[in-house]
Amino acid sequence: RRVQGIGLVGVLVDGDGQLVGVFTDGDLRRTLDDASVDLRATPVTALMTANPRTISADKLAIEAAQMMEAHKISALLVVDE
């Protein structure tokens, strides 16, 4: 079974180094479809998905899988303190 790559990058922008968003391949595709957006002049924070789902590094893999299934998402960022 072939697994496709996931296009996703975390965006750290607040003063405390907290994850405040992700920029996904879906965000990029939607932006490219919008002729009113100039990628050369628009910050990632204006295009990203804010408040992404995360899980702490000490959780079990099954918990991550259950969270992804419950929220119907294909990627989950693992964060530490």
PDB file of N, CA and C in Angstrom:
ATOM      1  N   ARG A   1       0.839  -1.180   0.000  1.00  0.00           N
ATOM      2  CA  ARG A   1       0.000   0.000   0.000  1.00  0.00           C
ATOM      3  C   ARG A   1       0.877   1.233   0.000  1.00  0.00           C
ATOM      4  N   ARG A   2       0.613   2.115  -0.919  1.00  0.00           N
ATOM      5  CA  ARG A   2       1.406   3.347  -1.035  1.00  0.00           C
ATOM      6  C   ARG A   2       0.810   4.448  -0.165  1.00  0.00           C
ATOM      7  N   VAL A   3       1.656   5.115   0.588  1.00  0.00           N
ATOM      8  CA  VAL A   3       1.227   6.238   1.423  1.00  0.00           C
ATOM      9  C   VAL A   3       1.737   7.516   0.778  1.00  0.00           C
ATOM     10  N   GLN A   4       0.837   8.449   0.548  1.00  0.00           N
ATOM     11  CA  GLN A   4       1.247   9.716  -0.038  1.00  0.00           C
ATOM     12  C   GLN A   4       1.886  10.603   1.017  1.00  0.00           C
ATOM     13  N   GLY A   5       2.781  11.470   0.565  1.00  0.00           N
ATOM     14  CA  GLY A   5       3.431  12.403   1.470  1.00  0.00           C
ATOM     15  C   GLY A   5       2.456  13.436   2.006  1.00  0.00           C
ATOM     16  N   ILE A   6       2.733  13.913   3.176  1.00  0.00           N
ATOM     17  CA  ILE A   6       1.917  14.943   3.808  1.00  0.00           C
ATOM     18  C   ILE A   6       2.689  16.255   3.714  1.00  0.00           C
ATOM     19  N   GLY A   7       2.060  17.278   3.183  1.00  0.00           N
ATOM     20  CA  GLY A   7       2.700  18.580   3.081  1.00  0.00           C
ATOM     21  C   GLY A   7       2.225  19.477   4.211  1.00  0.00           C
ATOM     22  N   LEU A   8       3.096  19.735   5.175  1.00  0.00           N
ATOM     23  CA  LEU A   8       2.694  20.463   6.362  1.00  0.00           C
ATOM     24  C   LEU A   8       3.935  21.033   7.032  1.00  0.00           C
ATOM     25  N   VAL A   9       3.847  22.276   7.466  1.00  0.00           N
ATOM     26  CA  VAL A   9       4.937  22.873   8.231  1.00  0.00           C
ATOM     27  C   VAL A   9       4.332  23.653   9.394  1.00  0.00           C
ATOM     28  N   GLY A  10       4.937  23.523  10.580  1.00  0.00           N
ATOM     29  CA  GLY A  10       4.480  24.272  11.741  1.00  0.00           C
ATOM     30  C   GLY A  10       4.946  25.718  11.653  1.00  0.00           C
ATOM     31  N   VAL A  11       4.138  26.638  12.189  1.00  0.00           N
ATOM     32  CA  VAL A  11       4.474  28.061  12.168  1.00  0.00           C
ATOM     33  C   VAL A  11       4.602  28.535  13.614  1.00  0.00           C
ATOM     34  N   LEU A  12       5.822  28.887  14.015  1.00  0.00           N
ATOM     35  CA  LEU A  12       6.071  29.409  15.355  1.00  0.00           C
ATOM     36  C   LEU A  12       6.182  30.924  15.244  1.00  0.00           C
ATOM     37  N   VAL A  13       5.214  31.640  15.802  1.00  0.00           N
ATOM     38  CA  VAL A  13       5.269  33.094  15.638  1.00  0.00           C
ATOM     39  C   VAL A  13       5.093  33.900  16.908  1.00  0.00           C
ATOM     40  N   ASP A  14       4.579  33.313  17.970  1.00  0.00           N
ATOM     41  CA  ASP A  14       4.363  34.166  19.140  1.00  0.00           C
ATOM     42  C   ASP A  14       5.635  34.282  19.973  1.00  0.00           C
ATOM     43  N   GLY A  15       5.652  35.231  20.878  1.00  0.00           N
ATOM     44  CA  GLY A  15       6.830  35.525  21.677  1.00  0.00           C
ATOM     45  C   GLY A  15       7.263  34.401  22.596  1.00  0.00           C
ATOM     46  N   ASP A  16       6.371  33.494  22.915  1.00  0.00           N
ATOM     47  CA  ASP A  16       6.696  32.377  23.798  1.00  0.00           C
ATOM     48  C   ASP A  16       7.131  31.136  23.038  1.00  0.00           C
ATOM     49  N   GLY A  17       7.256  31.247  21.713  1.00  0.00           N
ATOM     50  CA  GLY A  17       7.659  30.095  20.912  1.00  0.00           C
ATOM     51  C   GLY A  17       6.567  29.052  20.768  1.00  0.00           C
ATOM     52  N   GLN A  18       5.330  29.467  20.944  1.00  0.00           N
ATOM     53  CA  GLN A  18       4.202  28.551  20.863  1.00  0.00           C
ATOM     54  C   GLN A  18       3.756  28.348  19.418  1.00  0.00           C
ATOM     55  N   LEU A  19       3.356  27.139  19.120  1.00  0.00           N
ATOM     56  CA  LEU A  19       2.825  26.819  17.802  1.00  0.00           C
ATOM     57  C   LEU A  19       1.459  27.476  17.669  1.00  0.00           C
ATOM     58  N   VAL A  20       1.325  28.342  16.686  1.00  0.00           N
ATOM     59  CA  VAL A  20       0.057  29.049  16.505  1.00  0.00           C
ATOM     60  C   VAL A  20      -0.638  28.698  15.201  1.00  0.00           C
ATOM     61  N   GLY A  21       0.022  27.918  14.367  1.00  0.00           N
ATOM     62  CA  GLY A  21      -0.609  27.539  13.116  1.00  0.00           C
ATOM     63  C   GLY A  21       0.225  26.564  12.322  1.00  0.00           C
ATOM     64  N   VAL A  22      -0.374  26.062  11.253  1.00  0.00           N
ATOM     65  CA  VAL A  22       0.333  25.219  10.296  1.00  0.00           C
ATOM     66  C   VAL A  22       0.025  25.731   8.898  1.00  0.00           C
ATOM     67  N   PHE A  23       0.985  25.582   8.022  1.00  0.00           N
ATOM     68  CA  PHE A  23       0.776  25.912   6.620  1.00  0.00           C
ATOM     69  C   PHE A  23       0.816  24.595   5.872  1.00  0.00           C
ATOM     70  N   THR A  24      -0.314  24.237   5.288  1.00  0.00           N
ATOM     71  CA  THR A  24      -0.451  22.926   4.659  1.00  0.00           C
ATOM     72  C   THR A  24      -0.431  23.049   3.142  1.00  0.00           C
ATOM     73  N   ASP A  25      -0.271  21.898   2.493  1.00  0.00           N
ATOM     74  CA  ASP A  25      -0.360  21.910   1.038  1.00  0.00           C
ATOM     75  C   ASP A  25      -1.757  22.334   0.600  1.00  0.00           C
ATOM     76  N   GLY A  26      -2.765  22.050   1.397  1.00  0.00           N
ATOM     77  CA  GLY A  26      -4.123  22.512   1.106  1.00  0.00           C
ATOM     78  C   GLY A  26      -4.238  24.027   1.181  1.00  0.00           C
ATOM     79  N   ASP A  27      -3.584  24.627   2.190  1.00  0.00           N
ATOM     80  CA  ASP A  27      -3.567  26.099   2.291  1.00  0.00           C
ATOM     81  C   ASP A  27      -2.915  26.695   1.047  1.00  0.00           C
ATOM     82  N   LEU A  28      -1.823  26.090   0.609  1.00  0.00           N
ATOM     83  CA  LEU A  28      -1.133  26.585  -0.578  1.00  0.00           C
ATOM     84  C   LEU A  28      -2.007  26.446  -1.824  1.00  0.00           C
ATOM     85  N   ARG A  29      -2.652  25.293  -1.990  1.00  0.00           N
ATOM     86  CA  ARG A  29      -3.518  25.089  -3.159  1.00  0.00           C
ATOM     87  C   ARG A  29      -4.661  26.100  -3.191  1.00  0.00           C
ATOM     88  N   ARG A  30      -5.297  26.325  -2.035  1.00  0.00           N
ATOM     89  CA  ARG A  30      -6.387  27.308  -1.979  1.00  0.00           C
ATOM     90  C   ARG A  30      -5.880  28.705  -2.314  1.00  0.00           C
ATOM     91  N   THR A  31      -4.680  29.027  -1.848  1.00  0.00           N
ATOM     92  CA  THR A  31      -4.106  30.334  -2.127  1.00  0.00           C
ATOM     93  C   THR A  31      -3.802  30.496  -3.614  1.00  0.00           C
ATOM     94  N   LEU A  32      -3.256  29.465  -4.223  1.00  0.00           N
ATOM     95  CA  LEU A  32      -2.937  29.529  -5.647  1.00  0.00           C
ATOM     96  C   LEU A  32      -4.193  29.672  -6.499  1.00  0.00           C
ATOM     97  N   ASP A  33      -5.309  29.137  -6.005  1.00  0.00           N
ATOM     98  CA  ASP A  33      -6.581  29.252  -6.724  1.00  0.00           C
ATOM     99  C   ASP A  33      -7.214  30.632  -6.576  1.00  0.00           C
ATOM    100  N   ASP A  34      -6.731  31.415  -5.629  1.00  0.00           N
ATOM    101  CA  ASP A  34      -7.291  32.746  -5.366  1.00  0.00           C
ATOM    102  C   ASP A  34      -6.426  33.805  -6.057  1.00  0.00           C
ATOM    103  N   ALA A  35      -6.881  34.284  -7.184  1.00  0.00           N
ATOM    104  CA  ALA A  35      -6.102  35.249  -7.974  1.00  0.00           C
ATOM    105  C   ALA A  35      -5.862  36.562  -7.235  1.00  0.00           C
ATOM    106  N   SER A  36      -6.619  36.844  -6.179  1.00  0.00           N
ATOM    107  CA  SER A  36      -6.452  38.110  -5.460  1.00  0.00           C
ATOM    108  C   SER A  36      -5.299  38.080  -4.462  1.00  0.00           C
ATOM    109  N   VAL A  37      -4.703  36.911  -4.235  1.00  0.00           N
ATOM    110  CA  VAL A  37      -3.614  36.798  -3.261  1.00  0.00           C
ATOM    111  C   VAL A  37      -2.268  36.786  -3.985  1.00  0.00           C
ATOM    112  N   ASP A  38      -1.385  37.680  -3.564  1.00  0.00           N
ATOM    113  CA  ASP A  38      -0.027  37.739  -4.107  1.00  0.00           C
ATOM    114  C   ASP A  38       0.901  37.034  -3.114  1.00  0.00           C
ATOM    115  N   LEU A  39       1.382  35.858  -3.483  1.00  0.00           N
ATOM    116  CA  LEU A  39       2.247  35.085  -2.587  1.00  0.00           C
ATOM    117  C   LEU A  39       3.529  35.831  -2.222  1.00  0.00           C
ATOM    118  N   ARG A  40       3.986  36.702  -3.091  1.00  0.00           N
ATOM    119  CA  ARG A  40       5.227  37.446  -2.826  1.00  0.00           C
ATOM    120  C   ARG A  40       5.038  38.547  -1.796  1.00  0.00           C
ATOM    121  N   ALA A  41       3.782  38.898  -1.502  1.00  0.00           N
ATOM    122  CA  ALA A  41       3.527  40.009  -0.578  1.00  0.00           C
ATOM    123  C   ALA A  41       2.675  39.613   0.621  1.00  0.00           C
ATOM    124  N   THR A  42       2.307  38.340   0.728  1.00  0.00           N
ATOM    125  CA  THR A  42       1.408  37.899   1.789  1.00  0.00           C
ATOM    126  C   THR A  42       2.166  37.030   2.793  1.00  0.00           C
ATOM    127  N   PRO A  43       2.131  37.389   4.075  1.00  0.00           N
ATOM    128  CA  PRO A  43       2.825  36.567   5.074  1.00  0.00           C
ATOM    129  C   PRO A  43       2.116  35.229   5.280  1.00  0.00           C
ATOM    130  N   VAL A  44       2.885  34.229   5.635  1.00  0.00           N
ATOM    131  CA  VAL A  44       2.337  32.894   5.874  1.00  0.00           C
ATOM    132  C   VAL A  44       1.244  32.931   6.938  1.00  0.00           C
ATOM    133  N   THR A  45       1.397  33.778   7.929  1.00  0.00           N
ATOM    134  CA  THR A  45       0.394  33.840   9.000  1.00  0.00           C
ATOM    135  C   THR A  45      -0.988  34.220   8.491  1.00  0.00           C
ATOM    136  N   ALA A  46      -1.054  34.911   7.363  1.00  0.00           N
ATOM    137  CA  ALA A  46      -2.347  35.285   6.782  1.00  0.00           C
ATOM    138  C   ALA A  46      -2.984  34.131   6.020  1.00  0.00           C
ATOM    139  N   LEU A  47      -2.211  33.110   5.692  1.00  0.00           N
ATOM    140  CA  LEU A  47      -2.688  31.992   4.874  1.00  0.00           C
ATOM    141  C   LEU A  47      -2.782  30.678   5.633  1.00  0.00           C
ATOM    142  N   MET A  48      -2.129  30.605   6.773  1.00  0.00           N
ATOM    143  CA  MET A  48      -2.033  29.347   7.524  1.00  0.00           C
ATOM    144  C   MET A  48      -3.360  28.947   8.148  1.00  0.00           C
ATOM    145  N   THR A  49      -3.405  27.704   8.591  1.00  0.00           N
ATOM    146  CA  THR A  49      -4.504  27.197   9.403  1.00  0.00           C
ATOM    147  C   THR A  49      -4.125  27.454  10.855  1.00  0.00           C
ATOM    148  N   ALA A  50      -4.897  28.280  11.528  1.00  0.00           N
ATOM    149  CA  ALA A  50      -4.592  28.648  12.921  1.00  0.00           C
ATOM    150  C   ALA A  50      -5.055  27.565  13.891  1.00  0.00           C
ATOM    151  N   ASN A  51      -4.432  27.546  15.053  1.00  0.00           N
ATOM    152  CA  ASN A  51      -4.800  26.648  16.148  1.00  0.00           C
ATOM    153  C   ASN A  51      -4.891  25.179  15.721  1.00  0.00           C
ATOM    154  N   PRO A  52      -3.784  24.639  15.205  1.00  0.00           N
ATOM    155  CA  PRO A  52      -3.814  23.254  14.741  1.00  0.00           C
ATOM    156  C   PRO A  52      -3.923  22.259  15.898  1.00  0.00           C
ATOM    157  N   ARG A  53      -4.402  21.085  15.585  1.00  0.00           N
ATOM    158  CA  ARG A  53      -4.445  20.001  16.575  1.00  0.00           C
ATOM    159  C   ARG A  53      -3.016  19.532  16.837  1.00  0.00           C
ATOM    160  N   THR A  54      -2.709  19.319  18.103  1.00  0.00           N
ATOM    161  CA  THR A  54      -1.394  18.819  18.484  1.00  0.00           C
ATOM    162  C   THR A  54      -1.565  17.740  19.540  1.00  0.00           C
ATOM    163  N   ILE A  55      -0.480  17.019  19.773  1.00  0.00           N
ATOM    164  CA  ILE A  55      -0.450  16.031  20.840  1.00  0.00           C
ATOM    165  C   ILE A  55       0.930  16.096  21.488  1.00  0.00           C
ATOM    166  N   SER A  56       0.991  15.863  22.780  1.00  0.00           N
ATOM    167  CA  SER A  56       2.282  15.941  23.459  1.00  0.00           C
ATOM    168  C   SER A  56       3.105  14.678  23.197  1.00  0.00           C
ATOM    169  N   ALA A  57       4.410  14.856  23.246  1.00  0.00           N
ATOM    170  CA  ALA A  57       5.344  13.798  22.894  1.00  0.00           C
ATOM    171  C   ALA A  57       5.254  12.579  23.814  1.00  0.00           C
ATOM    172  N   ASP A  58       4.706  12.735  25.009  1.00  0.00           N
ATOM    173  CA  ASP A  58       4.639  11.611  25.943  1.00  0.00           C
ATOM    174  C   ASP A  58       3.383  10.748  25.764  1.00  0.00           C
ATOM    175  N   LYS A  59       2.509  11.117  24.858  1.00  0.00           N
ATOM    176  CA  LYS A  59       1.290  10.338  24.614  1.00  0.00           C
ATOM    177  C   LYS A  59       1.598   9.100  23.781  1.00  0.00           C
ATOM    178  N   LEU A  60       0.735   8.109  23.869  1.00  0.00           N
ATOM    179  CA  LEU A  60       0.906   6.882  23.097  1.00  0.00           C
ATOM    180  C   LEU A  60       0.499   7.093  21.641  1.00  0.00           C
ATOM    181  N   ALA A  61       1.090   6.306  20.763  1.00  0.00           N
ATOM    182  CA  ALA A  61       0.776   6.393  19.339  1.00  0.00           C
ATOM    183  C   ALA A  61      -0.710   6.134  19.089  1.00  0.00           C
ATOM    184  N   ILE A  62      -1.314   5.237  19.847  1.00  0.00           N
ATOM    185  CA  ILE A  62      -2.740   4.935  19.667  1.00  0.00           C
ATOM    186  C   ILE A  62      -3.595   6.165  19.980  1.00  0.00           C
ATOM    187  N   GLU A  63      -3.156   6.963  20.937  1.00  0.00           N
ATOM    188  CA  GLU A  63      -3.887   8.191  21.260  1.00  0.00           C
ATOM    189  C   GLU A  63      -3.833   9.172  20.090  1.00  0.00           C
ATOM    190  N   ALA A  64      -2.683   9.258  19.441  1.00  0.00           N
ATOM    191  CA  ALA A  64      -2.561  10.128  18.270  1.00  0.00           C
ATOM    192  C   ALA A  64      -3.473   9.624  17.156  1.00  0.00           C
ATOM    193  N   ALA A  65      -3.463   8.317  16.920  1.00  0.00           N
ATOM    194  CA  ALA A  65      -4.317   7.739  15.874  1.00  0.00           C
ATOM    195  C   ALA A  65      -5.792   7.993  16.172  1.00  0.00           C
ATOM    196  N   GLN A  66      -6.190   7.829  17.417  1.00  0.00           N
ATOM    197  CA  GLN A  66      -7.588   8.068  17.798  1.00  0.00           C
ATOM    198  C   GLN A  66      -7.971   9.535  17.618  1.00  0.00           C
ATOM    199  N   MET A  67      -7.070  10.443  17.970  1.00  0.00           N
ATOM    200  CA  MET A  67      -7.347  11.864  17.816  1.00  0.00           C
ATOM    201  C   MET A  67      -7.497  12.214  16.335  1.00  0.00           C
ATOM    202  N   MET A  68      -6.605  11.677  15.503  1.00  0.00           N
ATOM    203  CA  MET A  68      -6.676  11.945  14.068  1.00  0.00           C
ATOM    204  C   MET A  68      -7.975  11.415  13.485  1.00  0.00           C
ATOM    205  N   GLU A  69      -8.382  10.240  13.917  1.00  0.00           N
ATOM    206  CA  GLU A  69      -9.634   9.666  13.426  1.00  0.00           C
ATOM    207  C   GLU A  69     -10.832  10.486  13.900  1.00  0.00           C
ATOM    208  N   ALA A  70     -10.832  10.862  15.154  1.00  0.00           N
ATOM    209  CA  ALA A  70     -11.957  11.614  15.724  1.00  0.00           C
ATOM    210  C   ALA A  70     -12.143  12.969  15.045  1.00  0.00           C
ATOM    211  N   HIS A  71     -11.032  13.607  14.683  1.00  0.00           N
ATOM    212  CA  HIS A  71     -11.104  14.943  14.090  1.00  0.00           C
ATOM    213  C   HIS A  71     -11.001  14.916  12.561  1.00  0.00           C
ATOM    214  N   LYS A  72     -10.933  13.702  12.019  1.00  0.00           N
ATOM    215  CA  LYS A  72     -10.858  13.529  10.557  1.00  0.00           C
ATOM    216  C   LYS A  72      -9.725  14.353   9.943  1.00  0.00           C
ATOM    217  N   ILE A  73      -8.534  14.178  10.541  1.00  0.00           N
ATOM    218  CA  ILE A  73      -7.350  14.854  10.028  1.00  0.00           C
ATOM    219  C   ILE A  73      -6.303  13.811   9.650  1.00  0.00           C
ATOM    220  N   SER A  74      -5.418  14.185   8.739  1.00  0.00           N
ATOM    221  CA  SER A  74      -4.425  13.224   8.255  1.00  0.00           C
ATOM    222  C   SER A  74      -3.025  13.487   8.795  1.00  0.00           C
ATOM    223  N   ALA A  75      -2.871  14.534   9.591  1.00  0.00           N
ATOM    224  CA  ALA A  75      -1.576  14.851  10.171  1.00  0.00           C
ATOM    225  C   ALA A  75      -1.782  15.490  11.535  1.00  0.00           C
ATOM    226  N   LEU A  76      -0.863  15.217  12.424  1.00  0.00           N
ATOM    227  CA  LEU A  76      -0.933  15.727  13.787  1.00  0.00           C
ATOM    228  C   LEU A  76       0.465  16.087  14.216  1.00  0.00           C
ATOM    229  N   LEU A  77       0.673  17.295  14.687  1.00  0.00           N
ATOM    230  CA  LEU A  77       1.999  17.705  15.124  1.00  0.00           C
ATOM    231  C   LEU A  77       2.236  17.267  16.566  1.00  0.00           C
ATOM    232  N   VAL A  78       3.412  16.739  16.804  1.00  0.00           N
ATOM    233  CA  VAL A  78       3.817  16.311  18.140  1.00  0.00           C
ATOM    234  C   VAL A  78       4.649  17.445  18.739  1.00  0.00           C
ATOM    235  N   VAL A  79       4.249  17.910  19.917  1.00  0.00           N
ATOM    236  CA  VAL A  79       4.913  19.046  20.545  1.00  0.00           C
ATOM    237  C   VAL A  79       5.426  18.673  21.927  1.00  0.00           C
ATOM    238  N   ASP A  80       6.418  19.413  22.382  1.00  0.00           N
ATOM    239  CA  ASP A  80       6.891  19.250  23.753  1.00  0.00           C
ATOM    240  C   ASP A  80       6.694  20.575  24.480  1.00  0.00           C
ATOM    241  N   GLU A  81       7.120  20.604  25.716  1.00  0.00           N
ATOM    242  CA  GLU A  81       6.936  21.820  26.505  1.00  0.00           C
ATOM    243  C   GLU A  81       7.749  22.938  25.944  1.00  0.00           C
TER     244      GLU A  81
END
